[in-house]
Structures are given as C-alpha cells and as structure tokens.
Amino acid sequence: MSDAPGTRAAPRRLAWLVLVAASALLVGSVAMTLVSTSGSRAAQATPTTGYRPGYGGTSNRSGNLPGGGMGGGMMGAQQVRLAGDGVPVQTIAEARARAAQAAAARGLSTGEVMQFSQNFYVELKDSAGNPTTEVLVDPGDGSVSTEYGPAMMWNTGSRDATVSPDQAQTIADDWLRANQPGQSAVADVKAFPGYYSIDTETNGNTVGMVSVNALTGAVWYHTWHGTFIAEEDD
C-alpha cells in the first residue's frame, strides 16, 4: 500500500525549514562576530592622549621617565576669574593690581609678573608663599582668568609628585632641544600642584615658558604669550 501524496512532503518541508533556520542563525552569528571584531580593532586603533585641543599648547610623551604619559584632564582646585572693567592694562603694576583683586577672593597673593605682547602672566601664591596657580591679565580690558593649558588641566590641588624639579628641568631641556632649538630651561623651577612651570631663554634672555607634568613628565609649551617684554618678581 503506497503512502498518501502529502505524507512524504511534510517531513521534507520540515527538514527544509530546519535547514533554513540553522543557516540564518549561522549567518547572524558570523555577522555579529565580524562587527565585534571590527569594533575591537577600531578601539585599539584609536589613540588616547591627555592633550586637550583649544589651549594652544603642545603636550607630548617624554622618554625620560618609565611610563611617562601624556597627563592632563585634571581641573585645578584654584580657578580664578575677574571680569574686565574696560580699562586697558599697560604696565606690570597695573596687571599685578588686577591679579591681586582676583586672587583676594581665594586668599591668594601675587608673585612673579611677566609682560608679553599678548597678555600679562601672573603667578599666584598661597598664604605660605607656595606657588598655587597662574593667571593671565588681558591688556585690553583688564579681565583676569586662570591661564590656559597646565593651570587649567594639570592643577591637581595636591603637591604629590613622581618627577623632581631637577628632572623637570632636564625633561624641559630635552624637549626644547628637539622642538624649540636655541631655547633652554632656566634653573628656577616653580612647583605648582600637579606640575612645574619653567621660564625659557635664548642666550641668557627670557623668551617664554614651558610646563612639565609632575606625575607623568609630559611637556606643555606655552604658545599663547607672544613676545616677552619685561618681568618683575614679587
């Protein structure tokens, strides 16, 4: 006795459906694996650094210390601001007065003041006389703000350091030799919480400034000052 016409067709149809479903699952699994692998490779190929665009600085890896990284990304404990009053600032004494007014709200006082063609740089100190942060005074309207770069990004509020002042000077000199030929770091290394700032010179004449991260040895050259004009210590 022969099978009914639909008896053999049903198992075949079921087997075909199982095969199609298994193939779909296999294709989906392969696709997910490719996506996962692609994403992983993309993540590995994306460099990560501590440099923050927009501050006009140059931060690079130092070869002087084991594991010397880029540093950065840390907002300082001392953010100082004072709105401009519209009165141009033309002298170091005027810049110091504006910075002192801004610093008073934080219980800070002024230290070294440097006059450049683009701005006035002012070092601020705490009640014990320790360098605490750095500010810029706008010569156009007298506004005061925390300096770009290291003062904004590297000031940890802590004086813990893995880089000594002597090492910072050596790191700065090495970086200047490679990136700013003719410039060298002066011996007067100022220690701020989280970083050092060092004046640079050419043939004994002050030119500008560079900072070194106290934890990683990263270097940030100050490109926003312009031409050096004069300075006054506290």
C-alpha atoms as a PDB file:
ATOM      1  CA  MET A   1       0.000   0.000   0.000  1.00  0.00           C
ATOM      2  CA  SER A   2       1.529   3.352  -1.109  1.00  0.00           C
ATOM      3  CA  ASP A   3       1.781   6.471   1.078  1.00  0.00           C
ATOM      4  CA  ALA A   4      -0.691   9.273   0.629  1.00  0.00           C
ATOM      5  CA  PRO A   5       0.585  12.072  -1.639  1.00  0.00           C
ATOM      6  CA  GLY A   6       1.210  14.533   1.253  1.00  0.00           C
ATOM      7  CA  THR A   7       2.793  12.094   3.677  1.00  0.00           C
ATOM      8  CA  ARG A   8       6.386  12.290   2.345  1.00  0.00           C
ATOM      9  CA  ALA A   9       6.187  16.012   1.518  1.00  0.00           C
ATOM     10  CA  ALA A  10       5.575  17.038   5.144  1.00  0.00           C
ATOM     11  CA  PRO A  11       8.847  15.642   6.561  1.00  0.00           C
ATOM     12  CA  ARG A  12      10.770  17.101   3.632  1.00  0.00           C
ATOM     13  CA  ARG A  13       9.231  20.514   4.199  1.00  0.00           C
ATOM     14  CA  LEU A  14      10.039  20.353   7.922  1.00  0.00           C
ATOM     15  CA  ALA A  15      13.655  19.347   7.254  1.00  0.00           C
ATOM     16  CA  TRP A  16      13.985  22.195   4.745  1.00  0.00           C
ATOM     17  CA  LEU A  17      12.634  24.719   7.260  1.00  0.00           C
ATOM     18  CA  VAL A  18      15.056  23.490   9.953  1.00  0.00           C
ATOM     19  CA  LEU A  19      17.946  23.832   7.488  1.00  0.00           C
ATOM     20  CA  VAL A  20      16.930  27.384   6.566  1.00  0.00           C
ATOM     21  CA  ALA A  21      16.619  28.391  10.232  1.00  0.00           C
ATOM     22  CA  ALA A  22      20.020  26.914  11.074  1.00  0.00           C
ATOM     23  CA  SER A  23      21.609  28.750   8.132  1.00  0.00           C
ATOM     24  CA  ALA A  24      20.089  32.050   9.271  1.00  0.00           C
ATOM     25  CA  LEU A  25      21.420  31.552  12.771  1.00  0.00           C
ATOM     26  CA  LEU A  26      24.883  30.760  11.406  1.00  0.00           C
ATOM     27  CA  VAL A  27      24.925  33.865   9.188  1.00  0.00           C
ATOM     28  CA  GLY A  28      23.765  36.041  12.101  1.00  0.00           C
ATOM     29  CA  SER A  29      26.453  34.637  14.366  1.00  0.00           C
ATOM     30  CA  VAL A  30      29.170  35.317  11.799  1.00  0.00           C
ATOM     31  CA  ALA A  31      27.909  38.857  11.268  1.00  0.00           C
ATOM     32  CA  MET A  32      27.900  39.570  14.990  1.00  0.00           C
ATOM     33  CA  THR A  33      31.442  38.206  15.275  1.00  0.00           C
ATOM     34  CA  LEU A  34      32.636  40.456  12.441  1.00  0.00           C
ATOM     35  CA  VAL A  35      31.002  43.516  14.000  1.00  0.00           C
ATOM     36  CA  SER A  36      32.512  42.709  17.386  1.00  0.00           C
ATOM     37  CA  THR A  37      35.959  42.155  15.876  1.00  0.00           C
ATOM     38  CA  SER A  38      35.720  45.330  13.803  1.00  0.00           C
ATOM     39  CA  GLY A  39      34.714  47.375  16.836  1.00  0.00           C
ATOM     40  CA  SER A  40      37.526  45.919  18.879  1.00  0.00           C
ATOM     41  CA  ARG A  41      40.110  46.730  16.197  1.00  0.00           C
ATOM     42  CA  ALA A  42      38.735  50.252  15.827  1.00  0.00           C
ATOM     43  CA  ALA A  43      39.038  50.822  19.556  1.00  0.00           C
ATOM     44  CA  GLN A  44      42.615  49.558  19.536  1.00  0.00           C
ATOM     45  CA  ALA A  45      43.483  51.834  16.607  1.00  0.00           C
ATOM     46  CA  THR A  46      42.143  54.975  18.277  1.00  0.00           C
ATOM     47  CA  PRO A  47      44.950  56.796  20.108  1.00  0.00           C
ATOM     48  CA  THR A  48      44.223  58.291  23.507  1.00  0.00           C
ATOM     49  CA  THR A  49      46.171  61.245  24.846  1.00  0.00           C
ATOM     50  CA  GLY A  50      45.905  63.846  27.577  1.00  0.00           C
ATOM     51  CA  TYR A  51      46.246  66.716  25.125  1.00  0.00           C
ATOM     52  CA  ARG A  52      43.216  68.962  25.015  1.00  0.00           C
ATOM     53  CA  PRO A  53      42.786  70.878  21.740  1.00  0.00           C
ATOM     54  CA  GLY A  54      41.905  74.523  22.061  1.00  0.00           C
ATOM     55  CA  TYR A  55      44.524  75.597  24.573  1.00  0.00           C
ATOM     56  CA  GLY A  56      47.268  76.289  22.082  1.00  0.00           C
ATOM     57  CA  GLY A  57      49.760  74.041  23.803  1.00  0.00           C
ATOM     58  CA  THR A  58      51.906  71.103  22.861  1.00  0.00           C
ATOM     59  CA  SER A  59      51.790  68.046  25.067  1.00  0.00           C
ATOM     60  CA  ASN A  60      53.896  65.033  24.201  1.00  0.00           C
ATOM     61  CA  ARG A  61      55.240  61.838  25.682  1.00  0.00           C
ATOM     62  CA  SER A  62      58.547  62.111  27.485  1.00  0.00           C
ATOM     63  CA  GLY A  63      61.128  59.374  27.198  1.00  0.00           C
ATOM     64  CA  ASN A  64      62.900  60.422  30.381  1.00  0.00           C
ATOM     65  CA  LEU A  65      60.697  58.506  32.792  1.00  0.00           C
ATOM     66  CA  PRO A  66      59.376  54.950  32.730  1.00  0.00           C
ATOM     67  CA  GLY A  67      55.788  55.041  31.571  1.00  0.00           C
ATOM     68  CA  GLY A  68      55.870  58.812  31.052  1.00  0.00           C
ATOM     69  CA  GLY A  69      52.390  59.597  29.765  1.00  0.00           C
ATOM     70  CA  MET A  70      50.531  62.490  28.288  1.00  0.00           C
ATOM     71  CA  GLY A  71      48.994  63.745  31.508  1.00  0.00           C
ATOM     72  CA  GLY A  72      46.209  66.274  31.607  1.00  0.00           C
ATOM     73  CA  GLY A  73      42.473  66.181  32.067  1.00  0.00           C
ATOM     74  CA  MET A  74      42.530  67.323  35.694  1.00  0.00           C
ATOM     75  CA  MET A  75      40.755  70.533  36.584  1.00  0.00           C
ATOM     76  CA  GLY A  76      42.575  72.630  39.141  1.00  0.00           C
ATOM     77  CA  ALA A  77      41.384  73.370  42.631  1.00  0.00           C
ATOM     78  CA  GLN A  78      42.066  77.080  42.079  1.00  0.00           C
ATOM     79  CA  GLN A  79      40.059  78.573  39.207  1.00  0.00           C
ATOM     80  CA  VAL A  80      40.418  82.350  39.316  1.00  0.00           C
ATOM     81  CA  ARG A  81      38.351  84.838  37.340  1.00  0.00           C
ATOM     82  CA  LEU A  82      37.648  88.553  37.352  1.00  0.00           C
ATOM     83  CA  ALA A  83      35.543  90.307  34.735  1.00  0.00           C
ATOM     84  CA  GLY A  84      37.194  93.130  32.831  1.00  0.00           C
ATOM     85  CA  ASP A  85      36.333  96.734  33.655  1.00  0.00           C
ATOM     86  CA  GLY A  86      37.115  98.037  30.175  1.00  0.00           C
ATOM     87  CA  VAL A  87      40.249  99.860  31.291  1.00  0.00           C
ATOM     88  CA  PRO A  88      43.385  98.855  29.347  1.00  0.00           C
ATOM     89  CA  VAL A  89      46.259  97.402  31.374  1.00  0.00           C
ATOM     90  CA  GLN A  90      49.579  98.778  30.180  1.00  0.00           C
ATOM     91  CA  THR A  91      52.090  98.187  32.964  1.00  0.00           C
ATOM     92  CA  ILE A  92      53.227  95.373  35.227  1.00  0.00           C
ATOM     93  CA  ALA A  93      51.997  97.326  38.252  1.00  0.00           C
ATOM     94  CA  GLU A  94      48.514  97.602  36.760  1.00  0.00           C
ATOM     95  CA  ALA A  95      48.486  93.899  35.888  1.00  0.00           C
ATOM     96  CA  ARG A  96      49.564  92.982  39.403  1.00  0.00           C
ATOM     97  CA  ALA A  97      46.772  95.112  40.883  1.00  0.00           C
ATOM     98  CA  ARG A  98      44.143  93.391  38.723  1.00  0.00           C
ATOM     99  CA  ALA A  99      45.501  89.936  39.546  1.00  0.00           C
ATOM    100  CA  ALA A 100      45.640  90.778  43.269  1.00  0.00           C
ATOM    101  CA  GLN A 101      41.987  91.785  43.177  1.00  0.00           C
ATOM    102  CA  ALA A 102      41.050  88.494  41.572  1.00  0.00           C
ATOM    103  CA  ALA A 103      43.278  86.482  43.919  1.00  0.00           C
ATOM    104  CA  ALA A 104      41.939  88.055  47.109  1.00  0.00           C
ATOM    105  CA  ALA A 105      38.679  86.103  46.879  1.00  0.00           C
ATOM    106  CA  ARG A 106      40.733  82.889  47.049  1.00  0.00           C
ATOM    107  CA  GLY A 107      43.021  84.041  49.835  1.00  0.00           C
ATOM    108  CA  LEU A 108      45.943  84.193  47.415  1.00  0.00           C
ATOM    109  CA  SER A 109      48.582  86.815  46.640  1.00  0.00           C
ATOM    110  CA  THR A 110      50.616  87.695  43.559  1.00  0.00           C
ATOM    111  CA  GLY A 111      54.156  86.549  42.831  1.00  0.00           C
ATOM    112  CA  GLU A 112      56.109  86.924  39.610  1.00  0.00           C
ATOM    113  CA  VAL A 113      54.542  89.053  36.869  1.00  0.00           C
ATOM    114  CA  MET A 114      55.651  88.789  33.240  1.00  0.00           C
ATOM    115  CA  GLN A 115      54.609  91.111  30.455  1.00  0.00           C
ATOM    116  CA  PHE A 116      54.205  89.685  26.950  1.00  0.00           C
ATOM    117  CA  SER A 117      52.856  91.181  23.749  1.00  0.00           C
ATOM    118  CA  GLN A 118      49.614  89.177  24.049  1.00  0.00           C
ATOM    119  CA  ASN A 119      48.983  89.183  27.808  1.00  0.00           C
ATOM    120  CA  PHE A 120      50.353  89.571  31.317  1.00  0.00           C
ATOM    121  CA  TYR A 121      51.269  86.395  33.184  1.00  0.00           C
ATOM    122  CA  VAL A 122      50.901  86.419  36.981  1.00  0.00           C
ATOM    123  CA  GLU A 123      51.930  83.732  39.451  1.00  0.00           C
ATOM    124  CA  LEU A 124      49.608  83.364  42.459  1.00  0.00           C
ATOM    125  CA  LYS A 125      50.755  82.069  45.854  1.00  0.00           C
ATOM    126  CA  ASP A 126      49.031  80.735  48.941  1.00  0.00           C
ATOM    127  CA  SER A 127      49.408  82.167  52.468  1.00  0.00           C
ATOM    128  CA  ALA A 128      52.604  80.145  52.966  1.00  0.00           C
ATOM    129  CA  GLY A 129      54.174  81.605  49.839  1.00  0.00           C
ATOM    130  CA  ASN A 130      53.868  78.441  47.744  1.00  0.00           C
ATOM    131  CA  PRO A 131      53.034  78.785  44.020  1.00  0.00           C
ATOM    132  CA  THR A 132      49.399  77.734  43.663  1.00  0.00           C
ATOM    133  CA  THR A 133      48.173  78.668  40.196  1.00  0.00           C
ATOM    134  CA  GLU A 134      48.791  81.001  37.269  1.00  0.00           C
ATOM    135  CA  VAL A 135      46.542  83.635  35.711  1.00  0.00           C
ATOM    136  CA  LEU A 136      46.515  85.835  32.631  1.00  0.00           C
ATOM    137  CA  VAL A 137      45.522  89.503  32.605  1.00  0.00           C
ATOM    138  CA  ASP A 138      44.040  90.780  29.352  1.00  0.00           C
ATOM    139  CA  PRO A 139      45.775  94.049  28.423  1.00  0.00           C
ATOM    140  CA  GLY A 140      42.692  95.197  26.523  1.00  0.00           C
ATOM    141  CA  ASP A 141      40.037  95.178  29.241  1.00  0.00           C
ATOM    142  CA  GLY A 142      41.792  94.067  32.447  1.00  0.00           C
ATOM    143  CA  SER A 143      39.957  90.759  32.752  1.00  0.00           C
ATOM    144  CA  VAL A 144      41.710  88.032  34.746  1.00  0.00           C
ATOM    145  CA  SER A 145      41.384  84.294  34.203  1.00  0.00           C
ATOM    146  CA  THR A 146      43.202  81.076  35.016  1.00  0.00           C
ATOM    147  CA  GLU A 147      45.953  80.539  32.459  1.00  0.00           C
ATOM    148  CA  TYR A 148      45.329  78.168  29.567  1.00  0.00           C
ATOM    149  CA  GLY A 149      46.870  74.708  29.498  1.00  0.00           C
ATOM    150  CA  PRO A 150      48.614  73.346  32.615  1.00  0.00           C
ATOM    151  CA  ALA A 151      46.970  75.693  35.153  1.00  0.00           C
ATOM    152  CA  MET A 152      43.559  74.585  33.878  1.00  0.00           C
ATOM    153  CA  MET A 153      44.280  70.968  33.007  1.00  0.00           C
ATOM    154  CA  TRP A 154      47.100  69.769  35.266  1.00  0.00           C
ATOM    155  CA  ASN A 155      46.472  71.523  38.574  1.00  0.00           C
ATOM    156  CA  THR A 156      45.525  68.634  40.869  1.00  0.00           C
ATOM    157  CA  GLY A 157      45.399  70.652  44.085  1.00  0.00           C
ATOM    158  CA  SER A 158      47.953  68.192  45.500  1.00  0.00           C
ATOM    159  CA  ARG A 159      51.726  68.571  45.657  1.00  0.00           C
ATOM    160  CA  ASP A 160      52.376  64.853  45.251  1.00  0.00           C
ATOM    161  CA  ALA A 161      54.958  64.307  42.517  1.00  0.00           C
ATOM    162  CA  THR A 162      56.903  61.500  40.881  1.00  0.00           C
ATOM    163  CA  VAL A 163      59.009  63.987  38.919  1.00  0.00           C
ATOM    164  CA  SER A 164      61.535  66.090  40.860  1.00  0.00           C
ATOM    165  CA  PRO A 165      62.319  69.734  39.994  1.00  0.00           C
ATOM    166  CA  ASP A 166      65.718  68.689  38.617  1.00  0.00           C
ATOM    167  CA  GLN A 167      64.119  66.008  36.470  1.00  0.00           C
ATOM    168  CA  ALA A 168      61.548  68.539  35.251  1.00  0.00           C
ATOM    169  CA  GLN A 169      64.304  70.883  34.104  1.00  0.00           C
ATOM    170  CA  THR A 170      66.092  68.051  32.297  1.00  0.00           C
ATOM    171  CA  ILE A 171      62.866  66.946  30.625  1.00  0.00           C
ATOM    172  CA  ALA A 172      62.107  70.516  29.571  1.00  0.00           C
ATOM    173  CA  ASP A 173      65.628  70.992  28.180  1.00  0.00           C
ATOM    174  CA  ASP A 174      65.398  67.759  26.178  1.00  0.00           C
ATOM    175  CA  TRP A 175      62.027  68.774  24.764  1.00  0.00           C
ATOM    176  CA  LEU A 176      63.196  72.304  23.897  1.00  0.00           C
ATOM    177  CA  ARG A 177      66.302  70.959  22.200  1.00  0.00           C
ATOM    178  CA  ALA A 178      64.125  68.834  19.933  1.00  0.00           C
ATOM    179  CA  ASN A 179      61.214  71.220  19.382  1.00  0.00           C
ATOM    180  CA  GLN A 180      62.432  74.782  20.059  1.00  0.00           C
ATOM    181  CA  PRO A 181      66.112  74.815  19.017  1.00  0.00           C
ATOM    182  CA  GLY A 182      68.104  77.534  20.726  1.00  0.00           C
ATOM    183  CA  GLN A 183      65.904  77.697  23.812  1.00  0.00           C
ATOM    184  CA  SER A 184      66.776  76.219  27.203  1.00  0.00           C
ATOM    185  CA  ALA A 185      65.035  75.894  30.574  1.00  0.00           C
ATOM    186  CA  VAL A 186      66.241  78.134  33.394  1.00  0.00           C
ATOM    187  CA  ALA A 187      67.257  76.699  36.761  1.00  0.00           C
ATOM    188  CA  ASP A 188      64.405  78.396  38.621  1.00  0.00           C
ATOM    189  CA  VAL A 189      61.758  75.647  38.505  1.00  0.00           C
ATOM    190  CA  LYS A 190      58.448  76.644  40.111  1.00  0.00           C
ATOM    191  CA  ALA A 191      56.392  73.827  41.611  1.00  0.00           C
ATOM    192  CA  PHE A 192      52.624  74.151  41.310  1.00  0.00           C
ATOM    193  CA  PRO A 193      50.188  71.452  42.481  1.00  0.00           C
ATOM    194  CA  GLY A 194      50.486  68.769  39.792  1.00  0.00           C
ATOM    195  CA  TYR A 195      53.048  70.430  37.532  1.00  0.00           C
ATOM    196  CA  TYR A 196      56.101  72.662  37.195  1.00  0.00           C
ATOM    197  CA  SER A 197      56.433  75.881  35.198  1.00  0.00           C
ATOM    198  CA  ILE A 198      59.845  76.958  33.931  1.00  0.00           C
ATOM    199  CA  ASP A 199      60.923  80.086  32.058  1.00  0.00           C
ATOM    200  CA  THR A 200      62.802  79.505  28.812  1.00  0.00           C
ATOM    201  CA  GLU A 201      65.656  81.593  27.491  1.00  0.00           C
ATOM    202  CA  THR A 202      67.880  82.111  24.484  1.00  0.00           C
ATOM    203  CA  ASN A 203      71.415  83.395  25.001  1.00  0.00           C
ATOM    204  CA  GLY A 204      70.525  84.380  28.558  1.00  0.00           C
ATOM    205  CA  ASN A 205      67.432  86.351  27.543  1.00  0.00           C
ATOM    206  CA  THR A 206      63.938  85.288  28.624  1.00  0.00           C
ATOM    207  CA  VAL A 207      61.822  84.034  25.732  1.00  0.00           C
ATOM    208  CA  GLY A 208      58.800  82.229  27.122  1.00  0.00           C
ATOM    209  CA  MET A 209      57.686  79.386  29.339  1.00  0.00           C
ATOM    210  CA  VAL A 210      57.201  75.624  29.431  1.00  0.00           C
ATOM    211  CA  SER A 211      55.441  73.321  31.915  1.00  0.00           C
ATOM    212  CA  VAL A 212      56.158  69.726  32.930  1.00  0.00           C
ATOM    213  CA  ASN A 213      53.578  67.419  34.493  1.00  0.00           C
ATOM    214  CA  ALA A 214      54.758  66.407  37.994  1.00  0.00           C
ATOM    215  CA  LEU A 215      53.208  62.934  37.730  1.00  0.00           C
ATOM    216  CA  THR A 216      53.875  61.887  34.132  1.00  0.00           C
ATOM    217  CA  GLY A 217      56.685  64.071  32.817  1.00  0.00           C
ATOM    218  CA  ALA A 218      54.535  65.317  29.921  1.00  0.00           C
ATOM    219  CA  VAL A 219      55.554  68.675  28.446  1.00  0.00           C
ATOM    220  CA  TRP A 220      53.316  71.619  27.557  1.00  0.00           C
ATOM    221  CA  TYR A 221      54.924  74.603  25.832  1.00  0.00           C
ATOM    222  CA  HIS A 222      53.145  77.945  26.354  1.00  0.00           C
ATOM    223  CA  THR A 223      52.345  79.273  22.880  1.00  0.00           C
ATOM    224  CA  TRP A 224      49.807  81.930  23.848  1.00  0.00           C
ATOM    225  CA  HIS A 225      52.010  84.681  25.328  1.00  0.00           C
ATOM    226  CA  GLY A 226      53.614  86.279  22.312  1.00  0.00           C
ATOM    227  CA  THR A 227      56.881  88.196  22.594  1.00  0.00           C
ATOM    228  CA  PHE A 228      58.421  88.659  26.026  1.00  0.00           C
ATOM    229  CA  ILE A 229      58.715  92.314  27.147  1.00  0.00           C
ATOM    230  CA  ALA A 230      59.544  92.568  30.870  1.00  0.00           C
ATOM    231  CA  GLU A 231      59.139  90.866  34.248  1.00  0.00           C
ATOM    232  CA  GLU A 232      59.036  91.668  37.942  1.00  0.00           C
ATOM    233  CA  ASP A 233      59.486  89.265  40.848  1.00  0.00           C
ATOM    234  CA  ASP A 234      57.375  89.643  43.972  1.00  0.00           C
END
